[in-house]
């Protein structure tokens, strides 16, 4: 241990006594804080007026920010609605194409859209026709719907499907 202390002293340029003596920090005298000064009424009035102006500016800024946010949200909602409308149009076209290809599920989905009026005109007669077509192609949900809505007032009764007419089979996709 002494050898280590000696080595450190040589490196740091100290004597062994200096190395073993704890260093005490010197305390400085701190001046007492100054006595509080009475506020000047004119300065206080200017500060209050400045605070009032700043509060008014902040309120105006806040209302401008709110107006800008509302305008942005309306623009985004309009853009979203336009995109949703375009997407719905593509979905309806796809469903019509799949119905023509013989899809029972597409006929059921398109019938649901005709019942609710989503992206197509609300047409209960067309919906019932598509449900009957879907049921004839084997869709169980369409069969259940036709059974539960067989005597619904306001909905036309579907024309019976000819029993000799072949049911179109779906074309396999490549």
N, C-alpha and C. Protein backbone atom coordinates (compact mmCIF):
# COMPACT_ATOMS: atom_id res chain seq x y z
N UNK A 1 0.83 -1.18 0.00
CA UNK A 1 0.00 0.00 0.00
C UNK A 1 0.88 1.26 0.00
N UNK A 2 1.93 1.24 0.81
CA UNK A 2 2.81 2.40 0.88
C UNK A 2 3.50 2.62 -0.45
N UNK A 3 3.80 1.52 -1.12
CA UNK A 3 4.46 1.65 -2.41
C UNK A 3 3.52 2.33 -3.41
N UNK A 4 2.26 1.98 -3.33
CA UNK A 4 1.27 2.58 -4.22
C UNK A 4 1.12 4.07 -3.93
N UNK A 5 1.04 4.45 -2.66
CA UNK A 5 0.93 5.85 -2.28
C UNK A 5 2.18 6.59 -2.74
N UNK A 6 3.32 5.99 -2.58
CA UNK A 6 4.57 6.61 -3.02
C UNK A 6 4.57 6.82 -4.53
N UNK A 7 4.10 5.83 -5.28
CA UNK A 7 4.05 5.94 -6.74
C UNK A 7 3.12 7.07 -7.17
N UNK A 8 1.97 7.13 -6.53
CA UNK A 8 1.00 8.17 -6.85
C UNK A 8 1.58 9.55 -6.53
N UNK A 9 2.25 9.66 -5.43
CA UNK A 9 2.85 10.94 -5.04
C UNK A 9 3.89 11.38 -6.05
N UNK A 10 4.69 10.47 -6.54
CA UNK A 10 5.71 10.81 -7.52
C UNK A 10 5.04 11.29 -8.80
N UNK A 11 3.99 10.56 -9.23
CA UNK A 11 3.30 10.93 -10.47
C UNK A 11 2.64 12.29 -10.33
N UNK A 12 2.00 12.54 -9.22
CA UNK A 12 1.29 13.79 -9.02
C UNK A 12 2.17 14.92 -8.49
N UNK A 13 3.33 14.62 -8.12
CA UNK A 13 4.25 15.64 -7.63
C UNK A 13 3.93 16.08 -6.21
N UNK A 14 3.46 15.18 -5.35
CA UNK A 14 3.11 15.53 -3.97
C UNK A 14 4.05 14.79 -3.02
N UNK A 15 4.02 15.25 -1.82
CA UNK A 15 4.72 14.52 -0.78
C UNK A 15 3.76 13.51 -0.19
N UNK A 16 4.26 12.53 0.52
CA UNK A 16 3.41 11.50 1.12
C UNK A 16 2.47 12.10 2.14
N UNK A 17 2.88 13.13 2.84
CA UNK A 17 2.02 13.75 3.85
C UNK A 17 0.87 14.48 3.16
N UNK A 18 1.18 15.16 2.06
CA UNK A 18 0.11 15.85 1.33
C UNK A 18 -0.90 14.85 0.79
N UNK A 19 -0.46 13.71 0.36
CA UNK A 19 -1.35 12.71 -0.22
C UNK A 19 -2.27 12.11 0.84
N UNK A 20 -1.80 12.01 2.07
CA UNK A 20 -2.60 11.39 3.11
C UNK A 20 -3.46 12.39 3.88
N UNK A 21 -3.26 13.70 3.68
CA UNK A 21 -4.03 14.72 4.38
C UNK A 21 -5.29 15.03 3.58
N UNK A 22 -6.45 14.92 4.21
CA UNK A 22 -7.68 15.25 3.48
C UNK A 22 -7.73 16.75 3.18
N UNK A 23 -8.22 17.09 2.04
CA UNK A 23 -8.31 18.49 1.62
C UNK A 23 -9.67 19.02 2.05
N UNK A 24 -9.66 20.09 2.77
CA UNK A 24 -10.89 20.71 3.23
C UNK A 24 -11.18 21.90 2.32
N UNK A 25 -12.39 22.01 1.82
CA UNK A 25 -12.70 23.16 0.97
C UNK A 25 -12.77 24.43 1.80
N UNK A 26 -12.37 25.51 1.18
CA UNK A 26 -12.43 26.78 1.88
C UNK A 26 -13.84 27.33 1.76
N UNK A 27 -14.38 27.81 2.83
CA UNK A 27 -15.73 28.36 2.86
C UNK A 27 -15.66 29.83 2.51
N UNK A 28 -16.60 30.24 1.65
CA UNK A 28 -16.66 31.64 1.29
C UNK A 28 -17.85 32.26 1.99
N UNK A 29 -17.71 33.51 2.28
CA UNK A 29 -18.83 34.23 2.89
C UNK A 29 -19.75 34.68 1.76
N UNK A 30 -21.05 34.44 1.97
CA UNK A 30 -22.04 34.83 0.98
C UNK A 30 -22.78 36.04 1.53
N UNK A 31 -22.98 37.02 0.65
CA UNK A 31 -23.69 38.22 1.07
C UNK A 31 -25.17 37.91 1.22
N UNK A 32 -25.83 38.51 2.16
CA UNK A 32 -27.28 38.27 2.32
C UNK A 32 -28.04 38.83 1.11
N UNK A 33 -29.18 38.26 0.82
CA UNK A 33 -29.96 38.75 -0.33
C UNK A 33 -30.42 40.18 -0.08
N UNK A 34 -30.62 40.92 -1.17
CA UNK A 34 -31.04 42.31 -0.99
C UNK A 34 -32.48 42.36 -0.46
N UNK A 35 -32.80 43.43 0.17
CA UNK A 35 -34.14 43.61 0.72
C UNK A 35 -35.13 43.78 -0.43
N UNK A 36 -36.36 43.26 -0.29
CA UNK A 36 -37.34 43.40 -1.37
C UNK A 36 -37.69 44.86 -1.60
N UNK A 37 -37.91 45.17 -2.89
CA UNK A 37 -38.24 46.53 -3.28
C UNK A 37 -39.74 46.59 -3.56
N UNK A 38 -40.37 47.65 -3.12
CA UNK A 38 -41.81 47.81 -3.36
C UNK A 38 -42.04 48.01 -4.85
N UNK A 39 -43.04 47.31 -5.44
CA UNK A 39 -43.27 47.44 -6.89
C UNK A 39 -43.78 48.82 -7.25
N UNK A 40 -43.34 49.28 -8.40
CA UNK A 40 -43.77 50.59 -8.91
C UNK A 40 -45.14 50.42 -9.56
N UNK A 41 -46.15 51.20 -9.17
CA UNK A 41 -47.49 51.04 -9.75
C UNK A 41 -47.53 51.23 -11.27
N UNK A 42 -46.74 52.12 -11.81
CA UNK A 42 -46.73 52.35 -13.26
C UNK A 42 -46.21 51.10 -13.99
N UNK A 43 -45.18 50.49 -13.41
CA UNK A 43 -44.62 49.27 -14.01
C UNK A 43 -45.64 48.15 -13.92
N UNK A 44 -46.32 48.07 -12.79
CA UNK A 44 -47.34 47.03 -12.62
C UNK A 44 -48.47 47.20 -13.65
N UNK A 45 -48.86 48.44 -13.93
CA UNK A 45 -49.91 48.70 -14.92
C UNK A 45 -49.45 48.29 -16.32
N UNK A 46 -48.19 48.59 -16.66
CA UNK A 46 -47.67 48.22 -17.97
C UNK A 46 -47.60 46.70 -18.10
N UNK A 47 -47.20 46.03 -17.04
CA UNK A 47 -47.15 44.57 -17.05
C UNK A 47 -48.54 43.99 -17.25
N UNK A 48 -49.53 44.51 -16.54
CA UNK A 48 -50.91 44.03 -16.67
C UNK A 48 -51.43 44.27 -18.08
N UNK A 49 -51.14 45.43 -18.67
CA UNK A 49 -51.60 45.73 -20.03
C UNK A 49 -50.93 44.79 -21.03
N UNK A 50 -49.65 44.55 -20.84
CA UNK A 50 -48.93 43.64 -21.73
C UNK A 50 -49.51 42.22 -21.62
N UNK A 51 -49.78 41.79 -20.40
CA UNK A 51 -50.38 40.46 -20.20
C UNK A 51 -51.74 40.37 -20.87
N UNK A 52 -52.53 41.44 -20.81
CA UNK A 52 -53.85 41.46 -21.45
C UNK A 52 -53.71 41.33 -22.97
N UNK A 53 -52.76 42.07 -23.55
CA UNK A 53 -52.53 42.00 -25.00
C UNK A 53 -52.09 40.60 -25.39
N UNK A 54 -51.18 40.03 -24.61
CA UNK A 54 -50.70 38.68 -24.91
C UNK A 54 -51.83 37.65 -24.80
N UNK A 55 -52.69 37.80 -23.80
CA UNK A 55 -53.82 36.88 -23.65
C UNK A 55 -54.76 36.99 -24.83
N UNK A 56 -55.02 38.20 -25.30
CA UNK A 56 -55.89 38.40 -26.47
C UNK A 56 -55.26 37.78 -27.71
N UNK A 57 -53.97 37.99 -27.90
CA UNK A 57 -53.28 37.42 -29.05
C UNK A 57 -53.29 35.90 -28.99
N UNK A 58 -53.10 35.34 -27.80
CA UNK A 58 -53.11 33.88 -27.66
C UNK A 58 -54.50 33.32 -27.96
N UNK A 59 -55.55 34.00 -27.50
CA UNK A 59 -56.91 33.54 -27.77
C UNK A 59 -57.20 33.59 -29.27
N UNK A 60 -56.77 34.66 -29.93
CA UNK A 60 -56.98 34.78 -31.38
C UNK A 60 -56.19 33.69 -32.10
N UNK A 61 -54.98 33.46 -31.64
CA UNK A 61 -54.15 32.42 -32.24
C UNK A 61 -54.79 31.05 -32.07
N UNK A 62 -55.33 30.79 -30.85
CA UNK A 62 -56.01 29.52 -30.59
C UNK A 62 -57.21 29.34 -31.51
N UNK A 63 -58.01 30.41 -31.65
CA UNK A 63 -59.20 30.29 -32.51
C UNK A 63 -58.79 30.10 -33.96
N UNK A 64 -57.69 30.72 -34.39
CA UNK A 64 -57.20 30.50 -35.75
C UNK A 64 -56.74 29.06 -35.92
N UNK A 65 -56.07 28.53 -34.91
CA UNK A 65 -55.63 27.14 -34.98
C UNK A 65 -56.82 26.19 -35.04
N UNK A 66 -57.84 26.47 -34.24
CA UNK A 66 -59.03 25.62 -34.24
C UNK A 66 -59.71 25.69 -35.60
N UNK A 67 -59.84 26.89 -36.16
CA UNK A 67 -60.46 27.04 -37.47
C UNK A 67 -59.66 26.30 -38.54
N UNK A 68 -58.35 26.39 -38.46
CA UNK A 68 -57.51 25.68 -39.43
C UNK A 68 -57.66 24.16 -39.27
N UNK A 69 -57.73 23.69 -38.04
CA UNK A 69 -57.89 22.25 -37.80
C UNK A 69 -59.24 21.77 -38.31
N UNK A 70 -60.29 22.55 -38.09
CA UNK A 70 -61.63 22.18 -38.58
C UNK A 70 -61.63 22.13 -40.10
N UNK A 71 -61.03 23.11 -40.74
CA UNK A 71 -60.97 23.13 -42.20
C UNK A 71 -60.19 21.94 -42.73
N UNK A 72 -59.08 21.62 -42.07
CA UNK A 72 -58.28 20.47 -42.48
C UNK A 72 -59.07 19.17 -42.32
N UNK A 73 -59.78 19.03 -41.20
CA UNK A 73 -60.56 17.83 -40.96
C UNK A 73 -61.68 17.68 -41.98
N UNK A 74 -62.32 18.79 -42.34
CA UNK A 74 -63.38 18.73 -43.36
C UNK A 74 -62.81 18.32 -44.71
N UNK A 75 -61.66 18.86 -45.05
CA UNK A 75 -61.03 18.51 -46.33
C UNK A 75 -60.65 17.03 -46.35
N UNK A 76 -60.10 16.55 -45.24
CA UNK A 76 -59.74 15.13 -45.17
C UNK A 76 -60.97 14.24 -45.23
N UNK A 77 -62.06 14.65 -44.57
CA UNK A 77 -63.29 13.86 -44.61
C UNK A 77 -63.84 13.81 -46.02
N UNK A 78 -63.80 14.93 -46.73
CA UNK A 78 -64.28 14.97 -48.11
C UNK A 78 -63.43 14.06 -48.99
N UNK A 79 -62.12 14.15 -48.83
CA UNK A 79 -61.21 13.31 -49.61
C UNK A 79 -61.44 11.83 -49.30
N UNK A 80 -61.63 11.52 -48.01
CA UNK A 80 -61.88 10.12 -47.62
C UNK A 80 -63.19 9.64 -48.22
N UNK A 81 -64.22 10.48 -48.19
CA UNK A 81 -65.52 10.09 -48.72
C UNK A 81 -65.43 9.85 -50.23
N UNK A 82 -64.68 10.70 -50.94
CA UNK A 82 -64.49 10.51 -52.37
C UNK A 82 -63.76 9.20 -52.65
N UNK A 83 -62.70 8.92 -51.87
CA UNK A 83 -61.96 7.67 -52.05
C UNK A 83 -62.85 6.47 -51.73
N UNK A 84 -63.64 6.60 -50.67
CA UNK A 84 -64.54 5.52 -50.28
C UNK A 84 -65.58 5.29 -51.38
N UNK A 85 -66.08 6.36 -51.97
CA UNK A 85 -67.06 6.26 -53.04
C UNK A 85 -66.46 5.54 -54.25
N UNK A 86 -65.24 5.91 -54.62
CA UNK A 86 -64.56 5.25 -55.74
C UNK A 86 -64.34 3.77 -55.44
N UNK A 87 -63.94 3.46 -54.22
CA UNK A 87 -63.72 2.08 -53.83
C UNK A 87 -65.03 1.30 -53.89
N UNK A 88 -66.12 1.90 -53.39
CA UNK A 88 -67.41 1.22 -53.43
C UNK A 88 -67.86 0.98 -54.86
N UNK A 89 -67.60 1.93 -55.76
CA UNK A 89 -67.97 1.73 -57.17
C UNK A 89 -67.21 0.54 -57.75
N UNK A 90 -65.93 0.44 -57.44
CA UNK A 90 -65.14 -0.68 -57.95
C UNK A 90 -65.64 -2.00 -57.36
N UNK A 91 -66.03 -1.98 -56.07
CA UNK A 91 -66.55 -3.19 -55.44
C UNK A 91 -67.84 -3.62 -56.11
N UNK A 92 -68.75 -2.68 -56.37
CA UNK A 92 -70.03 -3.01 -57.01
C UNK A 92 -69.79 -3.57 -58.40
N UNK A 93 -68.89 -2.97 -59.15
CA UNK A 93 -68.59 -3.48 -60.50
C UNK A 93 -68.02 -4.89 -60.41
N UNK A 94 -67.16 -5.12 -59.44
CA UNK A 94 -66.59 -6.46 -59.25
C UNK A 94 -67.68 -7.46 -58.88
N UNK A 95 -68.60 -7.06 -57.99
CA UNK A 95 -69.69 -7.95 -57.60
C UNK A 95 -70.58 -8.29 -58.80
N UNK A 96 -70.90 -7.27 -59.62
CA UNK A 96 -71.73 -7.53 -60.80
C UNK A 96 -71.03 -8.50 -61.75
N UNK A 97 -69.74 -8.33 -61.91
CA UNK A 97 -68.98 -9.22 -62.79
C UNK A 97 -68.99 -10.65 -62.24
N UNK A 98 -68.81 -10.77 -60.94
CA UNK A 98 -68.79 -12.10 -60.32
C UNK A 98 -70.17 -12.75 -60.37
N UNK A 99 -71.24 -11.94 -60.25
CA UNK A 99 -72.60 -12.49 -60.37
C UNK A 99 -72.79 -13.04 -61.77
N UNK A 100 -72.31 -12.30 -62.77
CA UNK A 100 -72.43 -12.76 -64.15
C UNK A 100 -71.62 -14.04 -64.37
N UNK A 101 -70.54 -14.21 -63.60
CA UNK A 101 -69.72 -15.42 -63.72
C UNK A 101 -70.30 -16.59 -62.93
N UNK A 102 -71.35 -16.33 -62.12
CA UNK A 102 -72.02 -17.42 -61.42
C UNK A 102 -71.73 -17.52 -59.94
N UNK A 103 -71.24 -16.48 -59.31
CA UNK A 103 -70.91 -16.52 -57.89
C UNK A 103 -72.16 -16.31 -57.03
N UNK A 104 -72.45 -17.28 -56.18
CA UNK A 104 -73.60 -17.18 -55.27
C UNK A 104 -73.32 -16.13 -54.19
N UNK A 105 -72.10 -16.10 -53.69
CA UNK A 105 -71.75 -15.14 -52.63
C UNK A 105 -71.81 -13.70 -53.14
N UNK A 106 -71.36 -13.49 -54.38
CA UNK A 106 -71.41 -12.14 -54.94
C UNK A 106 -72.86 -11.69 -55.12
N UNK A 107 -73.73 -12.61 -55.54
CA UNK A 107 -75.14 -12.26 -55.69
C UNK A 107 -75.74 -11.88 -54.33
N UNK A 108 -75.38 -12.62 -53.29
CA UNK A 108 -75.87 -12.31 -51.94
C UNK A 108 -75.36 -10.94 -51.48
N UNK A 109 -74.06 -10.69 -51.68
CA UNK A 109 -73.48 -9.40 -51.26
C UNK A 109 -74.12 -8.24 -52.02
N UNK A 110 -74.33 -8.40 -53.32
CA UNK A 110 -74.94 -7.34 -54.10
C UNK A 110 -76.40 -7.14 -53.67
N UNK A 111 -77.09 -8.20 -53.33
CA UNK A 111 -78.46 -8.09 -52.84
C UNK A 111 -78.49 -7.30 -51.52
N UNK A 112 -77.54 -7.58 -50.64
CA UNK A 112 -77.46 -6.83 -49.38
C UNK A 112 -77.25 -5.34 -49.65
N UNK A 113 -76.42 -5.02 -50.63
CA UNK A 113 -76.19 -3.62 -50.98
C UNK A 113 -77.46 -2.98 -51.51
N UNK A 114 -78.24 -3.72 -52.31
CA UNK A 114 -79.50 -3.18 -52.82
C UNK A 114 -80.52 -3.00 -51.70
N UNK A 115 -80.47 -3.84 -50.69
CA UNK A 115 -81.39 -3.68 -49.56
C UNK A 115 -81.07 -2.44 -48.74
N UNK A 116 -79.77 -2.18 -48.53
CA UNK A 116 -79.37 -1.05 -47.69
C UNK A 116 -79.17 0.23 -48.49
N UNK A 117 -79.01 0.10 -49.81
CA UNK A 117 -78.77 1.28 -50.64
C UNK A 117 -77.34 1.75 -50.58
N UNK A 118 -76.41 0.89 -50.22
CA UNK A 118 -75.00 1.28 -50.12
C UNK A 118 -74.35 1.17 -51.50
N UNK A 119 -73.99 2.30 -52.07
CA UNK A 119 -73.28 2.42 -53.35
C UNK A 119 -74.13 2.02 -54.55
N UNK A 120 -75.35 1.62 -54.34
CA UNK A 120 -76.30 1.31 -55.41
C UNK A 120 -77.65 1.86 -55.00
N UNK A 121 -78.54 2.08 -55.96
CA UNK A 121 -79.87 2.56 -55.56
C UNK A 121 -80.59 1.50 -54.71
N UNK A 122 -81.32 1.96 -53.73
CA UNK A 122 -82.07 1.04 -52.89
C UNK A 122 -83.22 0.46 -53.73
N UNK A 123 -83.16 -0.84 -53.98
CA UNK A 123 -84.13 -1.48 -54.86
C UNK A 123 -84.45 -2.86 -54.29
N UNK A 124 -85.60 -2.95 -53.61
CA UNK A 124 -85.96 -4.19 -52.94
C UNK A 124 -86.30 -5.29 -53.93
N UNK A 125 -86.85 -4.93 -55.08
CA UNK A 125 -87.17 -5.95 -56.08
C UNK A 125 -85.89 -6.58 -56.62
N UNK A 126 -84.90 -5.76 -56.93
CA UNK A 126 -83.62 -6.28 -57.40
C UNK A 126 -82.93 -7.10 -56.31
N UNK A 127 -83.05 -6.64 -55.07
CA UNK A 127 -82.45 -7.38 -53.95
C UNK A 127 -83.08 -8.76 -53.83
N UNK A 128 -84.40 -8.83 -53.91
CA UNK A 128 -85.09 -10.13 -53.81
C UNK A 128 -84.69 -11.03 -54.99
N UNK A 129 -84.58 -10.45 -56.18
CA UNK A 129 -84.17 -11.23 -57.35
C UNK A 129 -82.76 -11.81 -57.15
N UNK A 130 -81.85 -10.97 -56.67
CA UNK A 130 -80.47 -11.43 -56.44
C UNK A 130 -80.41 -12.47 -55.32
N UNK A 131 -81.25 -12.31 -54.29
CA UNK A 131 -81.30 -13.31 -53.21
C UNK A 131 -81.78 -14.64 -53.76
N UNK A 132 -82.81 -14.61 -54.62
CA UNK A 132 -83.31 -15.86 -55.21
C UNK A 132 -82.25 -16.49 -56.09
N UNK A 133 -81.53 -15.67 -56.84
CA UNK A 133 -80.44 -16.19 -57.69
C UNK A 133 -79.35 -16.81 -56.83
N UNK A 134 -78.99 -16.14 -55.74
CA UNK A 134 -77.96 -16.64 -54.84
C UNK A 134 -78.40 -17.94 -54.17
N UNK A 135 -79.67 -18.00 -53.76
CA UNK A 135 -80.19 -19.22 -53.13
C UNK A 135 -80.18 -20.36 -54.14
N UNK A 136 -80.55 -20.08 -55.39
CA UNK A 136 -80.56 -21.12 -56.42
C UNK A 136 -79.15 -21.64 -56.69
N UNK A 137 -78.17 -20.80 -56.46
CA UNK A 137 -76.77 -21.21 -56.67
C UNK A 137 -76.18 -21.86 -55.43
N UNK A 138 -76.96 -21.94 -54.34
CA UNK A 138 -76.51 -22.70 -53.17
C UNK A 138 -76.11 -21.89 -51.96
N UNK A 139 -76.33 -20.61 -51.93
CA UNK A 139 -75.96 -19.81 -50.78
C UNK A 139 -76.99 -20.00 -49.66
N UNK A 140 -76.54 -20.54 -48.54
CA UNK A 140 -77.44 -20.85 -47.42
C UNK A 140 -78.01 -19.59 -46.78
N UNK A 141 -77.22 -18.54 -46.68
CA UNK A 141 -77.71 -17.29 -46.09
C UNK A 141 -78.86 -16.71 -46.92
N UNK A 142 -78.73 -16.80 -48.25
CA UNK A 142 -79.80 -16.30 -49.12
C UNK A 142 -81.06 -17.14 -48.94
N UNK A 143 -80.91 -18.45 -48.77
CA UNK A 143 -82.08 -19.32 -48.56
C UNK A 143 -82.80 -18.93 -47.27
N UNK A 144 -82.02 -18.70 -46.23
CA UNK A 144 -82.60 -18.31 -44.94
C UNK A 144 -83.29 -16.95 -45.08
N UNK A 145 -82.66 -16.01 -45.76
CA UNK A 145 -83.25 -14.68 -45.94
C UNK A 145 -84.58 -14.80 -46.68
N UNK A 146 -84.60 -15.61 -47.75
CA UNK A 146 -85.84 -15.77 -48.51
C UNK A 146 -86.94 -16.40 -47.67
N UNK A 147 -86.56 -17.35 -46.80
CA UNK A 147 -87.57 -17.98 -45.94
C UNK A 147 -88.12 -16.98 -44.93
N UNK A 148 -87.27 -16.17 -44.36
CA UNK A 148 -87.72 -15.23 -43.33
C UNK A 148 -88.43 -14.02 -43.93
N UNK A 149 -88.19 -13.73 -45.19
CA UNK A 149 -88.80 -12.57 -45.83
C UNK A 149 -89.78 -12.98 -46.92
N UNK A 150 -90.33 -14.16 -46.83
CA UNK A 150 -91.22 -14.66 -47.87
C UNK A 150 -92.48 -13.82 -47.99
N UNK A 151 -93.03 -13.41 -46.87
CA UNK A 151 -94.28 -12.66 -46.88
C UNK A 151 -94.10 -11.23 -46.37
N UNK A 152 -92.94 -10.64 -46.56
CA UNK A 152 -92.70 -9.28 -46.07
C UNK A 152 -93.47 -8.29 -46.92
N UNK A 153 -94.35 -7.48 -46.28
CA UNK A 153 -95.06 -6.47 -47.07
C UNK A 153 -94.08 -5.45 -47.62
N UNK A 154 -94.34 -5.04 -48.84
CA UNK A 154 -93.47 -4.04 -49.45
C UNK A 154 -92.41 -4.65 -50.32
N UNK A 155 -92.09 -5.93 -50.10
CA UNK A 155 -91.11 -6.60 -50.94
C UNK A 155 -91.86 -7.46 -51.95
N UNK A 156 -91.54 -7.35 -53.22
CA UNK A 156 -92.24 -8.15 -54.20
C UNK A 156 -91.89 -9.62 -54.07
N UNK A 157 -92.83 -10.45 -54.42
CA UNK A 157 -92.59 -11.90 -54.38
C UNK A 157 -91.74 -12.26 -55.58
N UNK A 158 -90.70 -13.06 -55.37
CA UNK A 158 -89.83 -13.37 -56.50
C UNK A 158 -90.53 -14.29 -57.49
N UNK A 159 -90.18 -14.09 -58.74
CA UNK A 159 -90.71 -14.99 -59.77
C UNK A 159 -90.06 -16.35 -59.58
N UNK A 160 -90.83 -17.41 -59.74
CA UNK A 160 -90.23 -18.74 -59.56
C UNK A 160 -89.18 -19.00 -60.63
N UNK A 161 -88.13 -19.65 -60.22
CA UNK A 161 -87.07 -19.98 -61.16
C UNK A 161 -87.52 -21.19 -61.96
N UNK A 162 -87.31 -21.18 -63.25
CA UNK A 162 -87.69 -22.35 -64.04
C UNK A 162 -86.84 -23.54 -63.62
N UNK A 163 -87.50 -24.68 -63.42
CA UNK A 163 -86.76 -25.86 -62.95
C UNK A 163 -85.92 -26.45 -64.05
N UNK A 164 -86.24 -26.17 -65.30
CA UNK A 164 -85.45 -26.75 -66.39
C UNK A 164 -84.24 -25.89 -66.73
N UNK A 165 -84.19 -24.66 -66.22
CA UNK A 165 -83.07 -23.78 -66.54
C UNK A 165 -81.83 -24.24 -65.80
N UNK A 166 -80.72 -24.37 -66.50
CA UNK A 166 -79.50 -24.81 -65.82
C UNK A 166 -78.96 -23.69 -64.93
N UNK A 167 -78.44 -24.08 -63.81
CA UNK A 167 -77.82 -23.12 -62.91
C UNK A 167 -76.39 -22.93 -63.39
N UNK A 168 -76.00 -21.68 -63.66
CA UNK A 168 -74.63 -21.47 -64.17
C UNK A 168 -73.60 -21.90 -63.14
N UNK A 169 -72.56 -22.49 -63.63
CA UNK A 169 -71.47 -22.91 -62.74
C UNK A 169 -70.38 -21.87 -62.81
N UNK A 170 -69.70 -21.66 -61.69
CA UNK A 170 -68.63 -20.66 -61.68
C UNK A 170 -67.47 -21.10 -62.56
N UNK A 171 -66.88 -20.13 -63.23
CA UNK A 171 -65.72 -20.40 -64.07
C UNK A 171 -64.49 -20.36 -63.17
N UNK A 172 -63.65 -21.41 -63.20
CA UNK A 172 -62.45 -21.38 -62.34
C UNK A 172 -61.51 -20.26 -62.78
N UNK A 173 -60.95 -19.59 -61.79
CA UNK A 173 -60.02 -18.50 -62.07
C UNK A 173 -58.63 -19.06 -62.32
N UNK A 174 -57.94 -18.41 -63.22
CA UNK A 174 -56.59 -18.87 -63.59
C UNK A 174 -55.57 -18.27 -62.70
